[in-house]
Structures are given as C-alpha cells and as structure tokens.
Amino acid sequence: MKQAREFSRREFLALGGAGAVLRSPFHHLPWWRPKEVAMAGARFQIVRTHLKHQPSRRRYLLIHGDEQTAREVLLSHMQSHSGVAFVVEGQTRNVPVASGQIDPNRMFSRRGAQMSLQSLNPAWTPAQVDAALDLLDREREPFLQAILPPEGGLMVALHNNQQYNFAQEEPVSDQSARNQPGDLHALFLCTDPADYKLLAASPYNVVLQQRMRAPDDGSLSRRAAARRLRYVNLEVKEGDAARQREMLDWLERNLPD
C-alpha cells in the first residue's frame, strides 16, 4: 500500500485555495489535510488538535497579524485543546488585495470591504475599488465555508486592542453585562443568546449582538450575527496575555462545543 503523502502549498493553491477544501475530490479522505487557506492576499495557517475521540466542532481565528498577544495565547491554547485554528500569516494588521491593502476583518461584506479599501488606498480609482470588491465577492463564500464551524459549533476569534473597548459596543448591542467596569478593554462579544446567558454569568464584560443594531462594517462578527451563527470575539488590551488566557480558559470550561 502506498503511503498517503502531504500536499504541498503549491498543489493546494492550484486546486483552488480556500475552495479546495470543499471542491477537491479528496476532501472526504482523512489524509487530505491542507495546511493553509486564503482569501485575496490574506493567508491563514491551519492548526489542528484532536485530543478527544470525536473531532471538536470548535474553530478559532486570529485575523490581525499585528495582535501578537492574541497569537501567543491562541497557539499556546491549541497545544492542549481540541479544535481547528486559523492563524493569519504575517505581522501586519492589513493584508494585500489587488495592488493595495485591506483590513482583513472588513472583507466579509461588500459594504465593509469598500469602506476599508477606500480608506487604505486613497489614490485608487473607482474602477480599482470595484475590481478588488469583485475579487473579494468571488472568494468570500468559499473562504467562509472553509473556516466556519459545522452546524451548532462555535467560532472563537481572539483580538487585542489599544483604544477600542466595551463602552463603544454597549450602545449598539442587544444586551450587555458590565461585569468588570475597571477593565473595559477586556470583553466578550457574542452573537448567540444562549452563549450570552452563560457568558453574562462570568466575571467579564459581555455584549450580545444578535439583531444587527450595529452597522455592517464588514467584520466577521456582523456576518455571523446575520447568519445566526455562534461566534464569540474575545478582546483584551495588547500585552495582557494573562487576562486573555484566563478568559479563554473560562470560555472553554463553560461554553459547549
């Protein structure tokens, strides 16, 4: 019997990038394990950990390359917890698209992507913006299908911030729990009412965004809310690894897969 071989990055991309996970004739085989997935110029390393008899329905995401605390916490977490993590490559906040750049957490809707492209590429013509938007429109759905958890599963995104905090999300949220007023930089943002109920019982700040009261900014949280998917954004201030690790551990213990 021939030993199953690993597929190279070039072979994976030749089969269609993000969509290769779905379209390849090999996707149902246990040895078909792509090591990265991409959308436009954003490439994500795939980290898989299976510590249980049944595969975990939990997915994790690091989408901003400059958020080093979140990267450190997530990679350490994956050494001892089951699930699949998608970790953006590179160390910069923005990623390439066409001949310009975009915030990768603004590419999940055409409206949000347009605002990001126009802000970050002020010299672009309307035709250049439209071409990049059309590219993102073609790649968005295959990418989402590749990274989102199976039905009923949970996506956990890790973020770090400098100025952003709980007070900015509270007015546009359906429900909120200001459990830690002394540290508004640390918060959970979730899209599922059952998850909110559990998280609101935690010692941490929590907001629920379920009915799209917040404007469509192209973020994955807004996309998940629109699709009624379970999504939790775990935010702490850059550098506060202890707090982010503590909150992630609480989530793991108290939220179901």
C-alpha atoms as a PDB file:
ATOM      1  CA  MET A   1       0.000   0.000   0.000  1.00  0.00           C
ATOM      2  CA  LYS A   2       1.309   3.425  -0.916  1.00  0.00           C
ATOM      3  CA  GLN A   3       1.715   5.835   1.955  1.00  0.00           C
ATOM      4  CA  ALA A   4      -0.514   8.917   1.776  1.00  0.00           C
ATOM      5  CA  ARG A   5       1.628  11.963   1.129  1.00  0.00           C
ATOM      6  CA  GLU A   6       1.327  15.549   2.302  1.00  0.00           C
ATOM      7  CA  PHE A   7       0.212  18.051  -0.335  1.00  0.00           C
ATOM      8  CA  SER A   8       2.475  20.981  -0.986  1.00  0.00           C
ATOM      9  CA  ARG A   9       1.373  24.595  -0.713  1.00  0.00           C
ATOM     10  CA  ARG A  10       1.611  24.938  -4.499  1.00  0.00           C
ATOM     11  CA  GLU A  11      -0.611  21.893  -5.088  1.00  0.00           C
ATOM     12  CA  PHE A  12      -3.171  23.159  -2.569  1.00  0.00           C
ATOM     13  CA  LEU A  13      -3.375  26.573  -4.179  1.00  0.00           C
ATOM     14  CA  ALA A  14      -3.552  25.023  -7.649  1.00  0.00           C
ATOM     15  CA  LEU A  15      -6.658  23.153  -6.549  1.00  0.00           C
ATOM     16  CA  GLY A  16      -8.388  26.373  -5.673  1.00  0.00           C
ATOM     17  CA  GLY A  17      -7.168  27.901  -2.405  1.00  0.00           C
ATOM     18  CA  ALA A  18      -9.929  28.219   0.159  1.00  0.00           C
ATOM     19  CA  GLY A  19     -12.410  26.450  -2.076  1.00  0.00           C
ATOM     20  CA  ALA A  20     -10.087  23.464  -2.426  1.00  0.00           C
ATOM     21  CA  VAL A  21     -11.242  22.284   0.977  1.00  0.00           C
ATOM     22  CA  LEU A  22     -14.733  21.961  -0.483  1.00  0.00           C
ATOM     23  CA  ARG A  23     -14.200  21.229  -4.179  1.00  0.00           C
ATOM     24  CA  SER A  24     -11.324  18.779  -4.156  1.00  0.00           C
ATOM     25  CA  PRO A  25     -12.250  15.132  -4.826  1.00  0.00           C
ATOM     26  CA  PHE A  26     -10.001  14.250  -1.882  1.00  0.00           C
ATOM     27  CA  HIS A  27     -11.712  16.425   0.763  1.00  0.00           C
ATOM     28  CA  HIS A  28     -13.508  13.458   2.383  1.00  0.00           C
ATOM     29  CA  LEU A  29     -10.294  11.471   2.925  1.00  0.00           C
ATOM     30  CA  PRO A  30      -8.592  11.645   6.342  1.00  0.00           C
ATOM     31  CA  TRP A  31      -5.175  12.333   4.811  1.00  0.00           C
ATOM     32  CA  TRP A  32      -6.420  15.368   2.866  1.00  0.00           C
ATOM     33  CA  ARG A  33      -5.169  17.990   5.278  1.00  0.00           C
ATOM     34  CA  PRO A  34      -4.499  21.381   3.693  1.00  0.00           C
ATOM     35  CA  LYS A  35      -2.141  23.420   5.833  1.00  0.00           C
ATOM     36  CA  GLU A  36      -3.418  26.852   4.872  1.00  0.00           C
ATOM     37  CA  VAL A  37      -6.437  28.652   3.480  1.00  0.00           C
ATOM     38  CA  ALA A  38      -6.573  32.045   1.798  1.00  0.00           C
ATOM     39  CA  MET A  39      -8.834  34.882   0.742  1.00  0.00           C
ATOM     40  CA  ALA A  40      -7.399  37.535  -1.555  1.00  0.00           C
ATOM     41  CA  GLY A  41      -3.966  38.231  -0.027  1.00  0.00           C
ATOM     42  CA  ALA A  42      -4.844  37.024   3.480  1.00  0.00           C
ATOM     43  CA  ARG A  43      -3.328  33.609   4.176  1.00  0.00           C
ATOM     44  CA  PHE A  44      -4.084  31.582   7.276  1.00  0.00           C
ATOM     45  CA  GLN A  45      -2.108  28.689   8.716  1.00  0.00           C
ATOM     46  CA  ILE A  46      -4.396  25.846   9.800  1.00  0.00           C
ATOM     47  CA  VAL A  47      -3.581  24.346  13.210  1.00  0.00           C
ATOM     48  CA  ARG A  48      -5.477  21.182  14.142  1.00  0.00           C
ATOM     49  CA  THR A  49      -5.583  19.498  17.537  1.00  0.00           C
ATOM     50  CA  HIS A  50      -7.649  16.376  18.251  1.00  0.00           C
ATOM     51  CA  LEU A  51      -7.402  15.260  21.874  1.00  0.00           C
ATOM     52  CA  LYS A  52     -10.773  13.512  22.037  1.00  0.00           C
ATOM     53  CA  HIS A  53     -12.301  10.521  20.300  1.00  0.00           C
ATOM     54  CA  GLN A  54     -14.703  12.811  18.415  1.00  0.00           C
ATOM     55  CA  PRO A  55     -13.442  15.814  16.440  1.00  0.00           C
ATOM     56  CA  SER A  56     -14.223  19.133  18.096  1.00  0.00           C
ATOM     57  CA  ARG A  57     -16.763  21.479  16.482  1.00  0.00           C
ATOM     58  CA  ARG A  58     -14.834  24.447  17.842  1.00  0.00           C
ATOM     59  CA  ARG A  59     -12.985  26.815  15.499  1.00  0.00           C
ATOM     60  CA  TYR A  60     -10.565  29.601  16.416  1.00  0.00           C
ATOM     61  CA  LEU A  61      -9.402  32.615  14.443  1.00  0.00           C
ATOM     62  CA  LEU A  62      -6.566  35.134  14.597  1.00  0.00           C
ATOM     63  CA  ILE A  63      -7.253  37.626  11.821  1.00  0.00           C
ATOM     64  CA  HIS A  64      -4.875  40.535  12.570  1.00  0.00           C
ATOM     65  CA  GLY A  65      -1.181  39.805  12.226  1.00  0.00           C
ATOM     66  CA  ASP A  66      -0.074  42.654  14.486  1.00  0.00           C
ATOM     67  CA  GLU A  67      -2.015  41.343  17.505  1.00  0.00           C
ATOM     68  CA  GLN A  68       0.864  39.380  18.964  1.00  0.00           C
ATOM     69  CA  THR A  69      -0.646  38.728  22.392  1.00  0.00           C
ATOM     70  CA  ALA A  70      -3.634  37.003  20.802  1.00  0.00           C
ATOM     71  CA  ARG A  71      -1.309  34.976  18.542  1.00  0.00           C
ATOM     72  CA  GLU A  72       0.766  33.817  21.504  1.00  0.00           C
ATOM     73  CA  VAL A  73      -2.293  32.886  23.582  1.00  0.00           C
ATOM     74  CA  LEU A  74      -4.027  31.038  20.748  1.00  0.00           C
ATOM     75  CA  LEU A  75      -1.027  28.975  19.656  1.00  0.00           C
ATOM     76  CA  SER A  76      -0.339  28.012  23.265  1.00  0.00           C
ATOM     77  CA  HIS A  77      -4.009  27.135  23.776  1.00  0.00           C
ATOM     78  CA  MET A  78      -4.030  24.811  20.770  1.00  0.00           C
ATOM     79  CA  GLN A  79      -1.359  22.650  22.354  1.00  0.00           C
ATOM     80  CA  SER A  80      -3.830  21.430  24.978  1.00  0.00           C
ATOM     81  CA  HIS A  81      -7.331  21.878  23.495  1.00  0.00           C
ATOM     82  CA  SER A  82      -9.141  20.214  20.623  1.00  0.00           C
ATOM     83  CA  GLY A  83     -10.280  22.236  17.644  1.00  0.00           C
ATOM     84  CA  VAL A  84      -9.092  23.889  14.456  1.00  0.00           C
ATOM     85  CA  ALA A  85      -7.393  27.289  14.475  1.00  0.00           C
ATOM     86  CA  PHE A  86      -6.888  29.627  11.530  1.00  0.00           C
ATOM     87  CA  VAL A  87      -3.899  31.888  12.213  1.00  0.00           C
ATOM     88  CA  VAL A  88      -3.150  34.735   9.814  1.00  0.00           C
ATOM     89  CA  GLU A  89       0.354  34.821   8.373  1.00  0.00           C
ATOM     90  CA  GLY A  90       2.455  37.962   8.626  1.00  0.00           C
ATOM     91  CA  GLN A  91       2.922  40.598  11.302  1.00  0.00           C
ATOM     92  CA  THR A  92       0.927  43.499   9.867  1.00  0.00           C
ATOM     93  CA  ARG A  93      -2.662  44.489  10.555  1.00  0.00           C
ATOM     94  CA  ASN A  94      -3.656  44.855   6.899  1.00  0.00           C
ATOM     95  CA  VAL A  95      -3.261  42.311   4.089  1.00  0.00           C
ATOM     96  CA  PRO A  96      -2.697  42.661   0.329  1.00  0.00           C
ATOM     97  CA  VAL A  97      -5.577  42.749  -2.144  1.00  0.00           C
ATOM     98  CA  ALA A  98      -5.054  43.507  -5.834  1.00  0.00           C
ATOM     99  CA  SER A  99      -2.380  46.252  -5.813  1.00  0.00           C
ATOM    100  CA  GLY A 100      -3.476  47.668  -2.454  1.00  0.00           C
ATOM    101  CA  GLN A 101      -4.418  46.603   1.053  1.00  0.00           C
ATOM    102  CA  ILE A 102      -7.436  45.902   3.237  1.00  0.00           C
ATOM    103  CA  ASP A 103      -8.195  45.265   6.892  1.00  0.00           C
ATOM    104  CA  PRO A 104      -8.947  41.504   6.800  1.00  0.00           C
ATOM    105  CA  ASN A 105     -11.730  41.911   9.357  1.00  0.00           C
ATOM    106  CA  ARG A 106     -13.564  44.224   6.974  1.00  0.00           C
ATOM    107  CA  MET A 107     -13.741  41.859   3.989  1.00  0.00           C
ATOM    108  CA  PHE A 108     -16.835  39.853   4.997  1.00  0.00           C
ATOM    109  CA  SER A 109     -19.316  42.139   3.248  1.00  0.00           C
ATOM    110  CA  ARG A 110     -19.049  44.251   0.119  1.00  0.00           C
ATOM    111  CA  ARG A 111     -20.043  47.397   2.011  1.00  0.00           C
ATOM    112  CA  GLY A 112     -17.455  46.910   4.739  1.00  0.00           C
ATOM    113  CA  ALA A 113     -14.748  45.994   2.233  1.00  0.00           C
ATOM    114  CA  GLN A 114     -15.497  49.092   0.165  1.00  0.00           C
ATOM    115  CA  MET A 115     -15.073  51.397   3.163  1.00  0.00           C
ATOM    116  CA  SER A 116     -11.777  49.737   4.111  1.00  0.00           C
ATOM    117  CA  LEU A 117     -10.407  49.803   0.555  1.00  0.00           C
ATOM    118  CA  GLN A 118     -11.268  53.472   0.071  1.00  0.00           C
ATOM    119  CA  SER A 119      -9.719  54.423   3.419  1.00  0.00           C
ATOM    120  CA  LEU A 120      -6.476  52.468   2.979  1.00  0.00           C
ATOM    121  CA  ASN A 121      -5.977  53.111  -0.752  1.00  0.00           C
ATOM    122  CA  PRO A 122      -6.874  56.802  -1.209  1.00  0.00           C
ATOM    123  CA  ALA A 123      -5.194  57.028  -4.635  1.00  0.00           C
ATOM    124  CA  TRP A 124      -7.280  54.215  -6.114  1.00  0.00           C
ATOM    125  CA  THR A 125      -9.775  54.941  -8.860  1.00  0.00           C
ATOM    126  CA  PRO A 126     -13.391  53.734  -8.562  1.00  0.00           C
ATOM    127  CA  ALA A 127     -12.551  51.052 -11.153  1.00  0.00           C
ATOM    128  CA  GLN A 128      -9.731  49.704  -8.968  1.00  0.00           C
ATOM    129  CA  VAL A 129     -12.017  49.608  -5.932  1.00  0.00           C
ATOM    130  CA  ASP A 130     -14.699  47.767  -7.906  1.00  0.00           C
ATOM    131  CA  ALA A 131     -12.204  45.221  -9.245  1.00  0.00           C
ATOM    132  CA  ALA A 132     -10.972  44.425  -5.736  1.00  0.00           C
ATOM    133  CA  LEU A 133     -14.562  44.184  -4.468  1.00  0.00           C
ATOM    134  CA  ASP A 134     -15.444  41.761  -7.263  1.00  0.00           C
ATOM    135  CA  LEU A 135     -12.427  39.616  -6.345  1.00  0.00           C
ATOM    136  CA  LEU A 136     -13.494  39.544  -2.704  1.00  0.00           C
ATOM    137  CA  ASP A 137     -17.079  38.700  -3.702  1.00  0.00           C
ATOM    138  CA  ARG A 138     -15.831  35.658  -5.622  1.00  0.00           C
ATOM    139  CA  GLU A 139     -13.636  34.375  -2.818  1.00  0.00           C
ATOM    140  CA  ARG A 140     -15.706  35.243   0.257  1.00  0.00           C
ATOM    141  CA  GLU A 141     -18.143  32.343   0.334  1.00  0.00           C
ATOM    142  CA  PRO A 142     -15.592  29.544  -0.287  1.00  0.00           C
ATOM    143  CA  PHE A 143     -13.407  31.062   2.417  1.00  0.00           C
ATOM    144  CA  LEU A 144     -16.277  31.245   4.911  1.00  0.00           C
ATOM    145  CA  GLN A 145     -17.251  27.662   4.192  1.00  0.00           C
ATOM    146  CA  ALA A 146     -13.648  26.620   4.838  1.00  0.00           C
ATOM    147  CA  ILE A 147     -13.246  28.360   8.211  1.00  0.00           C
ATOM    148  CA  LEU A 148     -16.686  28.381   9.833  1.00  0.00           C
ATOM    149  CA  PRO A 149     -17.577  25.583  12.266  1.00  0.00           C
ATOM    150  CA  PRO A 150     -20.058  22.835  11.426  1.00  0.00           C
ATOM    151  CA  GLU A 151     -23.710  23.381  12.357  1.00  0.00           C
ATOM    152  CA  GLY A 152     -24.054  24.189  16.043  1.00  0.00           C
ATOM    153  CA  GLY A 153     -20.309  24.624  16.501  1.00  0.00           C
ATOM    154  CA  LEU A 154     -18.575  27.699  17.912  1.00  0.00           C
ATOM    155  CA  MET A 155     -16.165  30.178  16.321  1.00  0.00           C
ATOM    156  CA  VAL A 156     -13.862  31.983  18.775  1.00  0.00           C
ATOM    157  CA  ALA A 157     -11.920  34.980  17.456  1.00  0.00           C
ATOM    158  CA  LEU A 158      -9.057  36.410  19.519  1.00  0.00           C
ATOM    159  CA  HIS A 159      -8.330  40.146  19.280  1.00  0.00           C
ATOM    160  CA  ASN A 160      -6.192  42.753  21.008  1.00  0.00           C
ATOM    161  CA  ASN A 161      -6.900  46.458  21.273  1.00  0.00           C
ATOM    162  CA  GLN A 162      -5.368  49.779  22.268  1.00  0.00           C
ATOM    163  CA  GLN A 163      -8.255  52.297  22.322  1.00  0.00           C
ATOM    164  CA  TYR A 164     -11.279  50.140  21.471  1.00  0.00           C
ATOM    165  CA  ASN A 165     -13.316  48.990  24.482  1.00  0.00           C
ATOM    166  CA  PHE A 166     -16.652  47.767  25.864  1.00  0.00           C
ATOM    167  CA  ALA A 167     -18.164  51.270  26.009  1.00  0.00           C
ATOM    168  CA  GLN A 168     -18.108  51.523  22.197  1.00  0.00           C
ATOM    169  CA  GLU A 169     -20.091  48.298  21.710  1.00  0.00           C
ATOM    170  CA  GLU A 170     -22.595  48.671  24.552  1.00  0.00           C
ATOM    171  CA  PRO A 171     -24.880  51.244  22.830  1.00  0.00           C
ATOM    172  CA  VAL A 172     -25.225  49.151  19.642  1.00  0.00           C
ATOM    173  CA  SER A 173     -25.723  45.816  21.412  1.00  0.00           C
ATOM    174  CA  ASP A 174     -28.937  43.925  22.171  1.00  0.00           C
ATOM    175  CA  GLN A 175     -27.854  43.111  25.720  1.00  0.00           C
ATOM    176  CA  SER A 176     -24.800  43.867  27.818  1.00  0.00           C
ATOM    177  CA  ALA A 177     -23.267  42.921  31.138  1.00  0.00           C
ATOM    178  CA  ARG A 178     -20.702  45.334  32.575  1.00  0.00           C
ATOM    179  CA  ASN A 179     -19.227  42.835  34.986  1.00  0.00           C
ATOM    180  CA  GLN A 180     -15.743  44.316  35.110  1.00  0.00           C
ATOM    181  CA  PRO A 181     -16.050  48.119  34.915  1.00  0.00           C
ATOM    182  CA  GLY A 182     -12.413  48.570  35.905  1.00  0.00           C
ATOM    183  CA  ASP A 183     -11.185  46.964  32.680  1.00  0.00           C
ATOM    184  CA  LEU A 184     -13.389  47.898  29.731  1.00  0.00           C
ATOM    185  CA  HIS A 185     -10.689  46.793  27.260  1.00  0.00           C
ATOM    186  CA  ALA A 186     -11.438  43.164  28.171  1.00  0.00           C
ATOM    187  CA  LEU A 187     -14.743  41.820  26.850  1.00  0.00           C
ATOM    188  CA  PHE A 188     -16.624  39.046  25.110  1.00  0.00           C
ATOM    189  CA  LEU A 189     -18.760  39.950  22.088  1.00  0.00           C
ATOM    190  CA  CYS A 190     -21.142  37.135  21.159  1.00  0.00           C
ATOM    191  CA  THR A 191     -23.943  36.541  18.661  1.00  0.00           C
ATOM    192  CA  ASP A 192     -25.932  33.714  20.280  1.00  0.00           C
ATOM    193  CA  PRO A 193     -28.409  34.377  23.140  1.00  0.00           C
ATOM    194  CA  ALA A 194     -27.652  31.064  24.874  1.00  0.00           C
ATOM    195  CA  ASP A 195     -23.929  31.812  24.804  1.00  0.00           C
ATOM    196  CA  TYR A 196     -24.625  35.314  26.100  1.00  0.00           C
ATOM    197  CA  LYS A 197     -26.561  33.938  29.059  1.00  0.00           C
ATOM    198  CA  LEU A 198     -23.585  31.779  30.049  1.00  0.00           C
ATOM    199  CA  LEU A 199     -21.002  34.500  29.416  1.00  0.00           C
ATOM    200  CA  ALA A 200     -23.015  37.101  31.339  1.00  0.00           C
ATOM    201  CA  ALA A 201     -22.607  34.886  34.407  1.00  0.00           C
ATOM    202  CA  SER A 202     -18.830  35.181  34.061  1.00  0.00           C
ATOM    203  CA  PRO A 203     -16.702  37.808  35.851  1.00  0.00           C
ATOM    204  CA  TYR A 204     -16.110  39.531  32.481  1.00  0.00           C
ATOM    205  CA  ASN A 205     -17.753  42.209  30.362  1.00  0.00           C
ATOM    206  CA  VAL A 206     -20.079  40.802  27.682  1.00  0.00           C
ATOM    207  CA  VAL A 207     -22.218  42.164  24.856  1.00  0.00           C
ATOM    208  CA  LEU A 208     -24.758  40.345  22.683  1.00  0.00           C
ATOM    209  CA  GLN A 209     -25.126  41.480  19.069  1.00  0.00           C
ATOM    210  CA  GLN A 210     -27.849  39.378  17.513  1.00  0.00           C
ATOM    211  CA  ARG A 211     -30.212  41.628  15.561  1.00  0.00           C
ATOM    212  CA  MET A 212     -27.718  43.792  13.642  1.00  0.00           C
ATOM    213  CA  ARG A 213     -28.277  47.010  15.578  1.00  0.00           C
ATOM    214  CA  ALA A 214     -24.615  47.730  14.901  1.00  0.00           C
ATOM    215  CA  PRO A 215     -23.843  48.925  11.335  1.00  0.00           C
ATOM    216  CA  ASP A 216     -22.443  46.484   8.781  1.00  0.00           C
ATOM    217  CA  ASP A 217     -18.720  47.171   8.947  1.00  0.00           C
ATOM    218  CA  GLY A 218     -17.621  44.003   7.107  1.00  0.00           C
ATOM    219  CA  SER A 219     -16.453  42.244  10.255  1.00  0.00           C
ATOM    220  CA  LEU A 220     -16.881  38.531  10.836  1.00  0.00           C
ATOM    221  CA  SER A 221     -18.951  39.211  13.945  1.00  0.00           C
ATOM    222  CA  ARG A 222     -21.544  41.098  11.877  1.00  0.00           C
ATOM    223  CA  ARG A 223     -21.552  38.331   9.273  1.00  0.00           C
ATOM    224  CA  ALA A 224     -22.038  35.676  11.947  1.00  0.00           C
ATOM    225  CA  ALA A 225     -24.901  37.633  13.522  1.00  0.00           C
ATOM    226  CA  ALA A 226     -26.633  37.966  10.152  1.00  0.00           C
ATOM    227  CA  ARG A 227     -26.345  34.209   9.605  1.00  0.00           C
ATOM    228  CA  ARG A 228     -27.329  33.333  13.174  1.00  0.00           C
ATOM    229  CA  LEU A 229     -24.044  31.555  13.769  1.00  0.00           C
ATOM    230  CA  ARG A 230     -22.394  31.063  17.156  1.00  0.00           C
ATOM    231  CA  TYR A 231     -19.473  33.484  17.331  1.00  0.00           C
ATOM    232  CA  VAL A 232     -17.506  34.887  20.261  1.00  0.00           C
ATOM    233  CA  ASN A 233     -14.942  37.665  19.982  1.00  0.00           C
ATOM    234  CA  LEU A 234     -12.528  37.685  22.931  1.00  0.00           C
ATOM    235  CA  GLU A 235     -10.906  41.115  23.294  1.00  0.00           C
ATOM    236  CA  VAL A 236      -8.197  42.272  25.691  1.00  0.00           C
ATOM    237  CA  LYS A 237      -5.665  45.069  25.620  1.00  0.00           C
ATOM    238  CA  GLU A 238      -2.479  44.289  23.685  1.00  0.00           C
ATOM    239  CA  GLY A 239       0.104  42.834  26.080  1.00  0.00           C
ATOM    240  CA  ASP A 240      -2.379  41.450  28.624  1.00  0.00           C
ATOM    241  CA  ALA A 241      -1.754  37.788  27.862  1.00  0.00           C
ATOM    242  CA  ALA A 242      -2.663  36.646  31.365  1.00  0.00           C
ATOM    243  CA  ARG A 243      -6.146  38.157  31.091  1.00  0.00           C
ATOM    244  CA  GLN A 244      -6.743  36.734  27.613  1.00  0.00           C
ATOM    245  CA  ARG A 245      -5.608  33.272  28.694  1.00  0.00           C
ATOM    246  CA  GLU A 246      -7.833  33.455  31.778  1.00  0.00           C
ATOM    247  CA  MET A 247     -10.894  34.461  29.731  1.00  0.00           C
ATOM    248  CA  LEU A 248     -10.274  31.815  27.087  1.00  0.00           C
ATOM    249  CA  ASP A 249      -9.976  29.150  29.776  1.00  0.00           C
ATOM    250  CA  TRP A 250     -13.276  30.298  31.301  1.00  0.00           C
ATOM    251  CA  LEU A 251     -14.937  30.088  27.902  1.00  0.00           C
ATOM    252  CA  GLU A 252     -13.589  26.581  27.330  1.00  0.00           C
ATOM    253  CA  ARG A 253     -14.945  25.351  30.642  1.00  0.00           C
ATOM    254  CA  ASN A 254     -18.387  26.905  30.359  1.00  0.00           C
ATOM    255  CA  LEU A 255     -19.469  27.072  26.694  1.00  0.00           C
ATOM    256  CA  PRO A 256     -20.416  23.862  24.859  1.00  0.00           C
ATOM    257  CA  ASP A 257     -18.912  22.913  21.521  1.00  0.00           C
END
